[in-house]
Every structure is written in structure tokens, then in C-alpha cells.
Amino acid sequence: MAEINRRGLMLVLSSPSGAGKTSICRELLSLEENLKMSISATTRPRRPGEVHGVDYSFIDGAQFDKLIKMKALLEYAKVFDYYYGTPRDQVEDFLDKGQDVLFDIDWQGTQQLGEHLEADLVRVFILPPSTRELEHRLKKRAQDPAHVVDKRMAKAMDEISHYPEYDYIIINSDLSESVKSVRSILHAERLKRGRQIGLIHFVKQLRDGR
């Protein structure tokens, strides 16, 4: 079967906390060989079991500031006193090699990615099946006090309001079906004409009778 060289894409999954985004990401990575998780740089201390260059690239504040000044990050944010960001060189190297990159980031990070590499970006927003189910998942997963769950729910409602900024919307009622839907999106986006960088050469060969 003939293969046409293509440029990789950036697949972004965003959702409110508790909607199932992380579980979907985990399943995708186990099923899709040509999909790699974006490795963020962070100033957060390394936790037990975490590996530098696998879970995160752990750097200090001065190094992170330098990346910002050099415009070497596609997106970055401060979360609970620590910075997190996506190194530009790493992602562009993957894309140039036809490797797809998976992002588990919020709507703000997604907007920043779009400012730099809009044509390579595929945005998917994951919604819970209901407010009640989202609250149930948060209580079951986090075991947080009621006031903490209330804060998470309030933040979730704000995050959900950004769904119109995304290309695709998936209601995560069933994990396996949601994974199938995201894989369908990924496979279709890989076939877009604009990403088939070897298409002109391939069609020329066809027209030349080869």
C-alpha cells in the first residue's frame, strides 16, 4: 500500500475536571502508535516515581524565565505557584517528522497553541453527560470536602462555557465509545489534504503512469 508523507498534528483534549479526559488520553496512547504525549516543562519539584523527560522536564525558575524570554514555549501557565509550559522545539520536531502530539491542557493553553500553530491544531472538548454525573465523579474520585467539590463544580461551569472554541465536542457517557470517537477524529484529521505534504509528488507519479 502506497504511503504519502504527511505533517503531524496536535490533538488537544480539554474538559472540566472529572469529565474523563485523562482516562481518554491514557487509552489513546495505548492504542495509537503514532501518537506521543506532549512533555511539559515545569518548575514543580519532582514527585516520587516521576522521571525527568518522561513525565515532565523538571527545570528551575531561572531556566523557565529564559524560555519565556526566548519565546521558546508554545503555551505556559502558572498553577499553584509553579509554572508549566510546552517547549516549542520538541513539538515542531515531532510535527516535521509526521508524529502526532497529544495535549491534555485547558482552554487557555489551547488558545495559546492556536496563536502559534493554528493549522496543526485539532481541538476536542470533552463534556460530562450531566451536571449530576460530574458532581458524582468528583466526589467519588477526589474524596474532597463538600466546599472543595463546590469550588471544582463552579470552575467546571466556567470551563464548559468555552466549548464553542473547539472543533469537536464529545459527551463522555461511556469511556470506550468516547475513545472510539476521538480515534475517528484523529484518523480523519490525518487524511486532510493540507497535511499530506507528499501528495503533490504522489499525484504527479500517478499522472505519469507510475
N, C-alpha and C. Protein backbone atom coordinates (compact mmCIF):
# COMPACT_ATOMS: atom_id res chain seq x y z
N MET A 1 0.84 -1.20 0.00
CA MET A 1 0.00 0.00 0.00
C MET A 1 0.88 1.25 0.00
N ALA A 2 0.57 2.19 -0.91
CA ALA A 2 1.37 3.41 -1.01
C ALA A 2 1.15 4.29 0.22
N GLU A 3 2.22 4.92 0.66
CA GLU A 3 2.14 5.83 1.79
C GLU A 3 2.58 7.22 1.34
N ILE A 4 1.85 8.23 1.79
CA ILE A 4 2.16 9.61 1.46
C ILE A 4 2.67 10.29 2.73
N ASN A 5 3.83 10.92 2.63
CA ASN A 5 4.35 11.64 3.78
C ASN A 5 3.39 12.74 4.21
N ARG A 6 3.24 12.90 5.49
CA ARG A 6 2.36 13.95 5.99
C ARG A 6 2.99 14.65 7.18
N ARG A 7 2.48 15.82 7.47
CA ARG A 7 2.89 16.56 8.66
C ARG A 7 2.06 16.07 9.84
N GLY A 8 2.68 15.99 11.01
CA GLY A 8 1.95 15.59 12.19
C GLY A 8 0.94 16.64 12.61
N LEU A 9 0.12 16.31 13.58
CA LEU A 9 -0.88 17.25 14.09
C LEU A 9 -0.84 17.30 15.61
N MET A 10 -1.41 18.34 16.16
CA MET A 10 -1.51 18.50 17.61
C MET A 10 -2.96 18.23 18.01
N LEU A 11 -3.18 17.15 18.72
CA LEU A 11 -4.52 16.78 19.18
C LEU A 11 -4.69 17.24 20.62
N VAL A 12 -5.58 18.21 20.82
CA VAL A 12 -5.81 18.76 22.15
C VAL A 12 -7.12 18.21 22.72
N LEU A 13 -7.05 17.69 23.93
CA LEU A 13 -8.25 17.30 24.67
C LEU A 13 -8.37 18.22 25.87
N SER A 14 -9.51 18.88 25.98
CA SER A 14 -9.79 19.73 27.13
C SER A 14 -11.13 19.31 27.72
N SER A 15 -11.28 19.56 29.02
CA SER A 15 -12.53 19.24 29.68
C SER A 15 -12.52 19.82 31.09
N PRO A 16 -13.68 19.94 31.70
CA PRO A 16 -13.68 20.26 33.13
C PRO A 16 -13.18 19.07 33.92
N SER A 17 -12.65 19.31 35.09
CA SER A 17 -12.16 18.23 35.95
C SER A 17 -13.29 17.25 36.24
N GLY A 18 -13.00 15.96 36.03
CA GLY A 18 -14.00 14.92 36.30
C GLY A 18 -14.75 14.44 35.08
N ALA A 19 -14.51 15.05 33.92
CA ALA A 19 -15.25 14.65 32.71
C ALA A 19 -14.65 13.43 32.03
N GLY A 20 -13.44 13.02 32.43
CA GLY A 20 -12.86 11.80 31.88
C GLY A 20 -11.75 11.98 30.88
N LYS A 21 -11.25 13.20 30.75
CA LYS A 21 -10.21 13.50 29.75
C LYS A 21 -8.95 12.66 29.94
N THR A 22 -8.49 12.55 31.19
CA THR A 22 -7.25 11.83 31.45
C THR A 22 -7.37 10.35 31.09
N SER A 23 -8.52 9.76 31.39
CA SER A 23 -8.75 8.35 31.04
C SER A 23 -8.75 8.16 29.53
N ILE A 24 -9.34 9.09 28.81
CA ILE A 24 -9.37 9.00 27.35
C ILE A 24 -7.95 9.13 26.80
N CYS A 25 -7.18 10.06 27.33
CA CYS A 25 -5.79 10.22 26.88
C CYS A 25 -4.99 8.94 27.09
N ARG A 26 -5.17 8.33 28.24
CA ARG A 26 -4.43 7.11 28.56
C ARG A 26 -4.76 6.00 27.55
N GLU A 27 -6.03 5.86 27.24
CA GLU A 27 -6.46 4.83 26.28
C GLU A 27 -5.92 5.12 24.88
N LEU A 28 -5.97 6.38 24.48
CA LEU A 28 -5.48 6.75 23.16
C LEU A 28 -4.02 6.39 22.98
N LEU A 29 -3.22 6.72 23.99
CA LEU A 29 -1.78 6.46 23.91
C LEU A 29 -1.47 4.97 23.84
N SER A 30 -2.32 4.15 24.43
CA SER A 30 -2.10 2.71 24.39
C SER A 30 -2.52 2.10 23.05
N LEU A 31 -3.37 2.81 22.31
CA LEU A 31 -3.92 2.27 21.06
C LEU A 31 -3.29 2.85 19.80
N GLU A 32 -2.77 4.07 19.88
CA GLU A 32 -2.24 4.76 18.71
C GLU A 32 -0.72 4.83 18.76
N GLU A 33 -0.05 4.09 17.87
CA GLU A 33 1.41 4.03 17.87
C GLU A 33 2.05 5.37 17.48
N ASN A 34 1.40 6.11 16.61
CA ASN A 34 2.00 7.35 16.10
C ASN A 34 1.55 8.58 16.87
N LEU A 35 1.20 8.38 18.14
CA LEU A 35 0.73 9.47 18.98
C LEU A 35 1.59 9.54 20.24
N LYS A 36 2.17 10.71 20.49
CA LYS A 36 3.01 10.90 21.68
C LYS A 36 2.42 11.98 22.56
N MET A 37 2.55 11.80 23.86
CA MET A 37 2.08 12.81 24.81
C MET A 37 3.08 13.97 24.84
N SER A 38 2.57 15.18 24.79
CA SER A 38 3.43 16.34 24.94
C SER A 38 4.03 16.35 26.34
N ILE A 39 5.33 16.57 26.42
CA ILE A 39 6.02 16.60 27.71
C ILE A 39 6.25 18.06 28.11
N SER A 40 5.58 18.47 29.17
CA SER A 40 5.68 19.85 29.62
C SER A 40 6.93 20.09 30.44
N ALA A 41 7.43 21.30 30.34
CA ALA A 41 8.47 21.76 31.26
C ALA A 41 7.79 22.34 32.48
N THR A 42 8.33 22.12 33.66
CA THR A 42 7.71 22.64 34.87
C THR A 42 8.75 22.99 35.92
N THR A 43 8.39 23.97 36.74
CA THR A 43 9.24 24.34 37.87
C THR A 43 8.83 23.59 39.14
N ARG A 44 7.82 22.75 39.03
CA ARG A 44 7.36 21.98 40.18
C ARG A 44 8.41 20.93 40.55
N PRO A 45 8.63 20.70 41.85
CA PRO A 45 9.57 19.64 42.27
C PRO A 45 9.11 18.26 41.78
N ARG A 46 10.06 17.41 41.52
CA ARG A 46 9.75 16.06 41.06
C ARG A 46 9.14 15.25 42.19
N ARG A 47 8.05 14.53 41.88
CA ARG A 47 7.41 13.67 42.86
C ARG A 47 7.99 12.26 42.79
N PRO A 48 7.84 11.47 43.86
CA PRO A 48 8.36 10.10 43.85
C PRO A 48 7.82 9.31 42.65
N GLY A 49 8.72 8.66 41.94
CA GLY A 49 8.33 7.84 40.80
C GLY A 49 8.32 8.57 39.47
N GLU A 50 8.37 9.90 39.50
CA GLU A 50 8.38 10.65 38.25
C GLU A 50 9.77 10.64 37.62
N VAL A 51 9.79 10.62 36.29
CA VAL A 51 11.06 10.55 35.55
C VAL A 51 11.22 11.80 34.70
N HIS A 52 12.38 12.45 34.83
CA HIS A 52 12.68 13.63 34.03
C HIS A 52 12.73 13.26 32.54
N GLY A 53 12.02 14.02 31.73
CA GLY A 53 12.00 13.75 30.30
C GLY A 53 10.93 12.76 29.88
N VAL A 54 10.26 12.16 30.86
CA VAL A 54 9.17 11.22 30.57
C VAL A 54 7.85 11.80 31.07
N ASP A 55 7.80 12.12 32.36
CA ASP A 55 6.60 12.72 32.93
C ASP A 55 6.59 14.23 32.68
N TYR A 56 7.69 14.86 33.01
CA TYR A 56 7.90 16.29 32.79
C TYR A 56 9.38 16.53 32.55
N SER A 57 9.68 17.72 32.03
CA SER A 57 11.06 18.20 32.04
C SER A 57 11.14 19.15 33.25
N PHE A 58 11.86 18.73 34.27
CA PHE A 58 11.92 19.50 35.51
C PHE A 58 13.07 20.51 35.43
N ILE A 59 12.70 21.80 35.49
CA ILE A 59 13.70 22.86 35.40
C ILE A 59 13.43 23.88 36.51
N ASP A 60 14.40 24.76 36.75
CA ASP A 60 14.20 25.76 37.80
C ASP A 60 13.57 27.03 37.22
N GLY A 61 13.25 27.97 38.12
CA GLY A 61 12.57 29.18 37.70
C GLY A 61 13.36 30.02 36.72
N ALA A 62 14.67 30.09 36.92
CA ALA A 62 15.51 30.88 36.02
C ALA A 62 15.50 30.31 34.60
N GLN A 63 15.55 28.99 34.51
CA GLN A 63 15.50 28.34 33.18
C GLN A 63 14.16 28.58 32.51
N PHE A 64 13.09 28.53 33.31
CA PHE A 64 11.76 28.75 32.75
C PHE A 64 11.62 30.18 32.25
N ASP A 65 12.10 31.15 33.04
CA ASP A 65 12.06 32.55 32.63
C ASP A 65 12.81 32.75 31.32
N LYS A 66 13.93 32.05 31.17
CA LYS A 66 14.71 32.16 29.94
C LYS A 66 13.92 31.66 28.74
N LEU A 67 13.19 30.55 28.92
CA LEU A 67 12.36 30.00 27.84
C LEU A 67 11.28 30.99 27.43
N ILE A 68 10.69 31.67 28.43
CA ILE A 68 9.66 32.67 28.14
C ILE A 68 10.25 33.82 27.33
N LYS A 69 11.39 34.33 27.77
CA LYS A 69 12.02 35.48 27.10
C LYS A 69 12.47 35.12 25.68
N MET A 70 12.86 33.86 25.48
CA MET A 70 13.30 33.42 24.16
C MET A 70 12.13 33.05 23.25
N LYS A 71 10.90 33.15 23.81
CA LYS A 71 9.68 32.74 23.07
C LYS A 71 9.80 31.28 22.62
N ALA A 72 10.35 30.47 23.51
CA ALA A 72 10.59 29.06 23.21
C ALA A 72 9.47 28.16 23.70
N LEU A 73 8.37 28.75 24.18
CA LEU A 73 7.24 27.96 24.66
C LEU A 73 6.01 28.26 23.80
N LEU A 74 5.29 27.20 23.43
CA LEU A 74 4.05 27.37 22.68
C LEU A 74 2.92 27.84 23.58
N GLU A 75 2.97 27.44 24.82
CA GLU A 75 1.98 27.87 25.81
C GLU A 75 2.57 27.67 27.19
N TYR A 76 2.13 28.48 28.14
CA TYR A 76 2.56 28.29 29.52
C TYR A 76 1.57 28.93 30.48
N ALA A 77 1.59 28.46 31.71
CA ALA A 77 0.68 28.98 32.73
C ALA A 77 1.26 28.74 34.11
N LYS A 78 0.81 29.53 35.06
CA LYS A 78 1.21 29.35 36.45
C LYS A 78 0.07 28.67 37.19
N VAL A 79 0.36 27.53 37.80
CA VAL A 79 -0.66 26.76 38.53
C VAL A 79 -0.14 26.45 39.92
N PHE A 80 -0.83 26.97 40.93
CA PHE A 80 -0.44 26.71 42.32
C PHE A 80 1.05 26.99 42.56
N ASP A 81 1.48 28.19 42.18
CA ASP A 81 2.84 28.69 42.43
C ASP A 81 3.94 28.07 41.56
N TYR A 82 3.57 27.19 40.65
CA TYR A 82 4.56 26.59 39.76
C TYR A 82 4.19 26.83 38.30
N TYR A 83 5.20 26.93 37.46
CA TYR A 83 4.97 27.16 36.04
C TYR A 83 5.00 25.84 35.26
N TYR A 84 4.15 25.78 34.24
CA TYR A 84 4.09 24.66 33.31
C TYR A 84 4.06 25.22 31.90
N GLY A 85 4.78 24.60 30.98
CA GLY A 85 4.77 25.09 29.61
C GLY A 85 5.19 24.03 28.61
N THR A 86 4.86 24.27 27.34
CA THR A 86 5.17 23.33 26.26
C THR A 86 6.33 23.85 25.42
N PRO A 87 7.49 23.18 25.45
CA PRO A 87 8.64 23.61 24.63
C PRO A 87 8.31 23.54 23.14
N ARG A 88 8.58 24.61 22.44
CA ARG A 88 8.24 24.70 21.02
C ARG A 88 9.07 23.75 20.16
N ASP A 89 10.38 23.69 20.38
CA ASP A 89 11.26 22.89 19.52
C ASP A 89 10.86 21.42 19.51
N GLN A 90 10.53 20.89 20.68
CA GLN A 90 10.15 19.48 20.80
C GLN A 90 8.94 19.16 19.94
N VAL A 91 7.92 20.02 20.05
CA VAL A 91 6.67 19.77 19.31
C VAL A 91 6.88 19.92 17.81
N GLU A 92 7.57 20.97 17.39
CA GLU A 92 7.77 21.19 15.96
C GLU A 92 8.62 20.08 15.33
N ASP A 93 9.55 19.52 16.10
CA ASP A 93 10.34 18.40 15.61
C ASP A 93 9.46 17.18 15.36
N PHE A 94 8.55 16.91 16.30
CA PHE A 94 7.61 15.80 16.11
C PHE A 94 6.74 16.03 14.87
N LEU A 95 6.19 17.23 14.74
CA LEU A 95 5.29 17.52 13.62
C LEU A 95 6.00 17.38 12.28
N ASP A 96 7.23 17.87 12.22
CA ASP A 96 8.00 17.78 10.98
C ASP A 96 8.26 16.34 10.56
N LYS A 97 8.34 15.44 11.56
CA LYS A 97 8.60 14.02 11.29
C LYS A 97 7.33 13.21 11.07
N GLY A 98 6.17 13.90 11.05
CA GLY A 98 4.90 13.20 10.85
C GLY A 98 4.36 12.55 12.11
N GLN A 99 4.87 12.97 13.26
CA GLN A 99 4.45 12.41 14.55
C GLN A 99 3.35 13.28 15.14
N ASP A 100 2.27 12.65 15.58
CA ASP A 100 1.17 13.38 16.20
C ASP A 100 1.42 13.55 17.69
N VAL A 101 0.99 14.70 18.23
CA VAL A 101 1.27 15.04 19.62
C VAL A 101 -0.05 15.28 20.35
N LEU A 102 -0.20 14.63 21.51
CA LEU A 102 -1.42 14.74 22.31
C LEU A 102 -1.20 15.73 23.45
N PHE A 103 -2.18 16.62 23.63
CA PHE A 103 -2.11 17.63 24.69
C PHE A 103 -3.31 17.47 25.63
N ASP A 104 -3.03 17.47 26.91
CA ASP A 104 -4.05 17.46 27.95
C ASP A 104 -3.96 18.82 28.65
N ILE A 105 -4.61 19.83 28.06
CA ILE A 105 -4.49 21.20 28.57
C ILE A 105 -5.86 21.87 28.59
N ASP A 106 -5.94 23.03 29.27
CA ASP A 106 -7.21 23.74 29.38
C ASP A 106 -7.42 24.69 28.21
N TRP A 107 -8.53 25.41 28.25
CA TRP A 107 -8.90 26.29 27.13
C TRP A 107 -7.89 27.42 26.94
N GLN A 108 -7.28 27.88 28.03
CA GLN A 108 -6.31 28.97 27.89
C GLN A 108 -5.05 28.50 27.16
N GLY A 109 -4.57 27.31 27.52
CA GLY A 109 -3.42 26.75 26.82
C GLY A 109 -3.73 26.48 25.37
N THR A 110 -4.96 26.04 25.11
CA THR A 110 -5.38 25.76 23.73
C THR A 110 -5.36 27.03 22.89
N GLN A 111 -5.83 28.13 23.48
CA GLN A 111 -5.80 29.41 22.77
C GLN A 111 -4.37 29.81 22.42
N GLN A 112 -3.45 29.60 23.35
CA GLN A 112 -2.05 29.95 23.10
C GLN A 112 -1.46 29.10 21.98
N LEU A 113 -1.78 27.79 21.97
CA LEU A 113 -1.30 26.93 20.89
C LEU A 113 -1.79 27.44 19.54
N GLY A 114 -3.05 27.86 19.51
CA GLY A 114 -3.64 28.35 18.27
C GLY A 114 -2.97 29.60 17.75
N GLU A 115 -2.41 30.40 18.64
CA GLU A 115 -1.71 31.62 18.23
C GLU A 115 -0.41 31.30 17.50
N HIS A 116 0.14 30.12 17.75
CA HIS A 116 1.44 29.75 17.16
C HIS A 116 1.31 28.78 15.99
N LEU A 117 0.49 27.74 16.16
CA LEU A 117 0.43 26.67 15.15
C LEU A 117 -1.02 26.29 14.86
N GLU A 118 -1.79 27.27 14.45
CA GLU A 118 -3.22 27.09 14.22
C GLU A 118 -3.52 25.96 13.22
N ALA A 119 -2.77 25.90 12.13
CA ALA A 119 -3.06 24.92 11.08
C ALA A 119 -2.82 23.48 11.53
N ASP A 120 -1.99 23.30 12.56
CA ASP A 120 -1.67 21.95 13.03
C ASP A 120 -2.57 21.50 14.18
N LEU A 121 -3.49 22.35 14.60
CA LEU A 121 -4.24 22.13 15.83
C LEU A 121 -5.60 21.48 15.57
N VAL A 122 -5.91 20.43 16.34
CA VAL A 122 -7.23 19.79 16.33
C VAL A 122 -7.75 19.84 17.76
N ARG A 123 -8.85 20.55 17.97
CA ARG A 123 -9.36 20.79 19.32
C ARG A 123 -10.58 19.91 19.61
N VAL A 124 -10.51 19.17 20.70
CA VAL A 124 -11.63 18.31 21.12
C VAL A 124 -11.99 18.66 22.56
N PHE A 125 -13.26 18.95 22.80
CA PHE A 125 -13.71 19.25 24.16
C PHE A 125 -14.58 18.10 24.66
N ILE A 126 -14.27 17.64 25.87
CA ILE A 126 -14.99 16.52 26.47
C ILE A 126 -15.99 17.06 27.50
N LEU A 127 -17.25 16.72 27.31
CA LEU A 127 -18.31 17.13 28.24
C LEU A 127 -18.80 15.94 29.06
N PRO A 128 -19.21 16.17 30.31
CA PRO A 128 -19.84 15.10 31.09
C PRO A 128 -21.28 14.90 30.61
N PRO A 129 -21.87 13.75 30.86
CA PRO A 129 -23.25 13.51 30.41
C PRO A 129 -24.27 14.37 31.15
N SER A 130 -23.95 14.81 32.36
CA SER A 130 -24.87 15.66 33.13
C SER A 130 -24.11 16.32 34.27
N THR A 131 -24.69 17.37 34.81
CA THR A 131 -24.09 18.05 35.97
C THR A 131 -24.05 17.11 37.16
N ARG A 132 -25.12 16.35 37.33
CA ARG A 132 -25.19 15.41 38.46
C ARG A 132 -24.10 14.36 38.37
N GLU A 133 -23.86 13.83 37.16
CA GLU A 133 -22.83 12.81 36.97
C GLU A 133 -21.44 13.40 37.21
N LEU A 134 -21.23 14.63 36.77
CA LEU A 134 -19.93 15.27 37.01
C LEU A 134 -19.68 15.42 38.50
N GLU A 135 -20.68 15.87 39.23
CA GLU A 135 -20.53 16.04 40.68
C GLU A 135 -20.27 14.69 41.36
N HIS A 136 -20.97 13.66 40.88
CA HIS A 136 -20.77 12.30 41.42
C HIS A 136 -19.34 11.84 41.19
N ARG A 137 -18.80 12.07 40.00
CA ARG A 137 -17.43 11.65 39.68
C ARG A 137 -16.42 12.39 40.54
N LEU A 138 -16.64 13.68 40.75
CA LEU A 138 -15.71 14.47 41.56
C LEU A 138 -15.71 13.99 43.01
N LYS A 139 -16.88 13.72 43.53
CA LYS A 139 -16.98 13.24 44.91
C LYS A 139 -16.35 11.86 45.06
N LYS A 140 -16.59 11.01 44.08
CA LYS A 140 -16.07 9.64 44.12
C LYS A 140 -14.57 9.60 43.95
N ARG A 141 -14.04 10.46 43.05
CA ARG A 141 -12.63 10.42 42.72
C ARG A 141 -11.76 11.12 43.76
N ALA A 142 -12.15 12.33 44.13
CA ALA A 142 -11.27 13.15 44.94
C ALA A 142 -11.46 12.95 46.44
N GLN A 143 -12.66 12.53 46.84
CA GLN A 143 -12.98 12.39 48.26
C GLN A 143 -12.72 13.71 49.00
N ASP A 144 -13.00 14.81 48.34
CA ASP A 144 -12.79 16.13 48.92
C ASP A 144 -13.98 16.55 49.78
N PRO A 145 -13.76 17.50 50.70
CA PRO A 145 -14.87 18.06 51.46
C PRO A 145 -15.88 18.72 50.53
N ALA A 146 -17.09 18.90 50.98
CA ALA A 146 -18.16 19.43 50.14
C ALA A 146 -17.82 20.80 49.56
N HIS A 147 -17.17 21.67 50.35
CA HIS A 147 -16.88 23.03 49.85
C HIS A 147 -15.84 22.99 48.73
N VAL A 148 -14.92 21.99 48.75
CA VAL A 148 -13.93 21.85 47.69
C VAL A 148 -14.60 21.37 46.41
N VAL A 149 -15.50 20.42 46.55
CA VAL A 149 -16.26 19.92 45.39
C VAL A 149 -17.08 21.06 44.77
N ASP A 150 -17.65 21.90 45.63
CA ASP A 150 -18.44 23.04 45.14
C ASP A 150 -17.56 23.98 44.31
N LYS A 151 -16.32 24.21 44.76
CA LYS A 151 -15.39 25.06 44.03
C LYS A 151 -15.04 24.45 42.68
N ARG A 152 -14.82 23.13 42.69
CA ARG A 152 -14.49 22.44 41.45
C ARG A 152 -15.66 22.50 40.47
N MET A 153 -16.86 22.39 40.98
CA MET A 153 -18.05 22.45 40.13
C MET A 153 -18.20 23.85 39.53
N ALA A 154 -17.95 24.88 40.34
CA ALA A 154 -18.05 26.25 39.83
C ALA A 154 -17.03 26.49 38.72
N LYS A 155 -15.82 25.99 38.93
CA LYS A 155 -14.78 26.13 37.91
C LYS A 155 -15.16 25.35 36.66
N ALA A 156 -15.76 24.17 36.85
CA ALA A 156 -16.17 23.35 35.71
C ALA A 156 -17.18 24.08 34.84
N MET A 157 -18.12 24.79 35.47
CA MET A 157 -19.12 25.52 34.70
C MET A 157 -18.47 26.62 33.86
N ASP A 158 -17.45 27.25 34.42
CA ASP A 158 -16.72 28.28 33.66
C ASP A 158 -15.98 27.66 32.48
N GLU A 159 -15.32 26.52 32.73
CA GLU A 159 -14.58 25.85 31.66
C GLU A 159 -15.51 25.39 30.54
N ILE A 160 -16.67 24.88 30.91
CA ILE A 160 -17.63 24.38 29.92
C ILE A 160 -18.08 25.50 28.99
N SER A 161 -18.12 26.72 29.48
CA SER A 161 -18.58 27.85 28.66
C SER A 161 -17.68 28.10 27.45
N HIS A 162 -16.49 27.50 27.44
CA HIS A 162 -15.55 27.71 26.33
C HIS A 162 -15.67 26.65 25.23
N TYR A 163 -16.68 25.80 25.31
CA TYR A 163 -16.82 24.74 24.32
C TYR A 163 -16.92 25.24 22.88
N PRO A 164 -17.49 26.44 22.62
CA PRO A 164 -17.58 26.88 21.21
C PRO A 164 -16.23 27.12 20.55
N GLU A 165 -15.16 27.19 21.34
CA GLU A 165 -13.83 27.43 20.78
C GLU A 165 -13.19 26.15 20.21
N TYR A 166 -13.89 25.02 20.32
CA TYR A 166 -13.33 23.73 19.93
C TYR A 166 -13.95 23.23 18.63
N ASP A 167 -13.19 22.37 17.93
CA ASP A 167 -13.64 21.84 16.64
C ASP A 167 -14.63 20.70 16.81
N TYR A 168 -14.43 19.89 17.86
CA TYR A 168 -15.26 18.71 18.09
C TYR A 168 -15.69 18.66 19.55
N ILE A 169 -16.90 18.16 19.77
CA ILE A 169 -17.44 18.01 21.12
C ILE A 169 -17.84 16.55 21.32
N ILE A 170 -17.38 15.97 22.44
CA ILE A 170 -17.74 14.59 22.77
C ILE A 170 -18.35 14.57 24.16
N ILE A 171 -19.53 13.94 24.27
CA ILE A 171 -20.16 13.76 25.59
C ILE A 171 -19.72 12.40 26.11
N ASN A 172 -18.96 12.41 27.18
CA ASN A 172 -18.35 11.18 27.68
C ASN A 172 -19.28 10.42 28.62
N SER A 173 -20.25 9.74 28.01
CA SER A 173 -21.15 8.88 28.79
C SER A 173 -20.54 7.50 28.98
N ASP A 174 -19.78 7.06 27.98
CA ASP A 174 -19.15 5.74 28.01
C ASP A 174 -17.71 5.88 27.52
N LEU A 175 -16.75 5.46 28.34
CA LEU A 175 -15.34 5.67 28.02
C LEU A 175 -14.93 5.04 26.70
N SER A 176 -15.31 3.79 26.47
CA SER A 176 -14.88 3.10 25.25
C SER A 176 -15.44 3.78 24.00
N GLU A 177 -16.68 4.24 24.07
CA GLU A 177 -17.28 4.92 22.92
C GLU A 177 -16.61 6.28 22.69
N SER A 178 -16.27 6.96 23.78
CA SER A 178 -15.59 8.26 23.65
C SER A 178 -14.23 8.08 23.02
N VAL A 179 -13.51 7.03 23.42
CA VAL A 179 -12.20 6.75 22.84
C VAL A 179 -12.34 6.47 21.34
N LYS A 180 -13.36 5.69 20.97
CA LYS A 180 -13.61 5.41 19.55
C LYS A 180 -13.85 6.71 18.78
N SER A 181 -14.62 7.61 19.38
CA SER A 181 -14.93 8.88 18.71
C SER A 181 -13.68 9.71 18.50
N VAL A 182 -12.83 9.80 19.53
CA VAL A 182 -11.61 10.59 19.40
C VAL A 182 -10.68 9.96 18.37
N ARG A 183 -10.61 8.64 18.33
CA ARG A 183 -9.77 7.97 17.33
C ARG A 183 -10.29 8.24 15.92
N SER A 184 -11.61 8.28 15.75
CA SER A 184 -12.19 8.60 14.44
C SER A 184 -11.80 10.00 14.00
N ILE A 185 -11.85 10.93 14.95
CA ILE A 185 -11.44 12.31 14.66
C ILE A 185 -9.97 12.33 14.25
N LEU A 186 -9.13 11.65 15.01
CA LEU A 186 -7.70 11.62 14.73
C LEU A 186 -7.41 11.04 13.35
N HIS A 187 -8.06 9.92 13.02
CA HIS A 187 -7.81 9.28 11.73
C HIS A 187 -8.28 10.15 10.57
N ALA A 188 -9.41 10.84 10.74
CA ALA A 188 -9.91 11.71 9.68
C ALA A 188 -9.00 12.93 9.49
N GLU A 189 -8.54 13.51 10.60
CA GLU A 189 -7.69 14.69 10.52
C GLU A 189 -6.34 14.36 9.88
N ARG A 190 -5.87 13.14 10.07
CA ARG A 190 -4.61 12.73 9.44
C ARG A 190 -4.72 12.71 7.92
N LEU A 191 -5.93 12.56 7.40
CA LEU A 191 -6.14 12.44 5.95
C LEU A 191 -6.42 13.78 5.28
N LYS A 192 -6.48 14.86 6.05
CA LYS A 192 -6.76 16.16 5.45
C LYS A 192 -5.70 16.50 4.40
N ARG A 193 -6.18 17.05 3.29
CA ARG A 193 -5.29 17.33 2.17
C ARG A 193 -4.12 18.21 2.57
N GLY A 194 -4.36 19.21 3.39
CA GLY A 194 -3.31 20.13 3.78
C GLY A 194 -2.18 19.50 4.56
N ARG A 195 -2.43 18.35 5.17
CA ARG A 195 -1.38 17.67 5.94
C ARG A 195 -0.60 16.66 5.09
N GLN A 196 -1.08 16.36 3.88
CA GLN A 196 -0.43 15.38 3.02
C GLN A 196 0.69 16.06 2.23
N ILE A 197 1.83 16.26 2.89
CA ILE A 197 2.91 17.02 2.26
C ILE A 197 3.53 16.29 1.07
N GLY A 198 3.30 14.99 0.97
CA GLY A 198 3.83 14.24 -0.16
C GLY A 198 2.81 14.01 -1.26
N LEU A 199 1.64 14.66 -1.15
CA LEU A 199 0.55 14.39 -2.08
C LEU A 199 0.84 14.85 -3.50
N ILE A 200 1.44 16.03 -3.65
CA ILE A 200 1.72 16.56 -4.99
C ILE A 200 2.63 15.60 -5.77
N HIS A 201 3.66 15.12 -5.11
CA HIS A 201 4.59 14.19 -5.75
C HIS A 201 3.89 12.88 -6.11
N PHE A 202 3.04 12.39 -5.20
CA PHE A 202 2.33 11.12 -5.43
C PHE A 202 1.38 11.24 -6.63
N VAL A 203 0.63 12.33 -6.68
CA VAL A 203 -0.32 12.52 -7.78
C VAL A 203 0.43 12.69 -9.11
N LYS A 204 1.59 13.35 -9.07
CA LYS A 204 2.39 13.50 -10.29
C LYS A 204 2.81 12.13 -10.82
N GLN A 205 3.20 11.25 -9.89
CA GLN A 205 3.57 9.90 -10.31
C GLN A 205 2.39 9.17 -10.93
N LEU A 206 1.21 9.33 -10.35
CA LEU A 206 0.01 8.71 -10.92
C LEU A 206 -0.26 9.22 -12.34
N ARG A 207 -0.13 10.50 -12.52
CA ARG A 207 -0.41 11.10 -13.82
C ARG A 207 0.64 10.73 -14.85
N ASP A 208 1.84 10.40 -14.35
CA ASP A 208 2.91 9.97 -15.25
C ASP A 208 2.81 8.46 -15.55
N GLY A 209 1.79 7.81 -14.97
CA GLY A 209 1.59 6.41 -15.22
C GLY A 209 2.44 5.49 -14.37
N ARG A 210 2.97 6.02 -13.24
CA ARG A 210 3.80 5.19 -12.37
C ARG A 210 3.02 4.73 -11.15
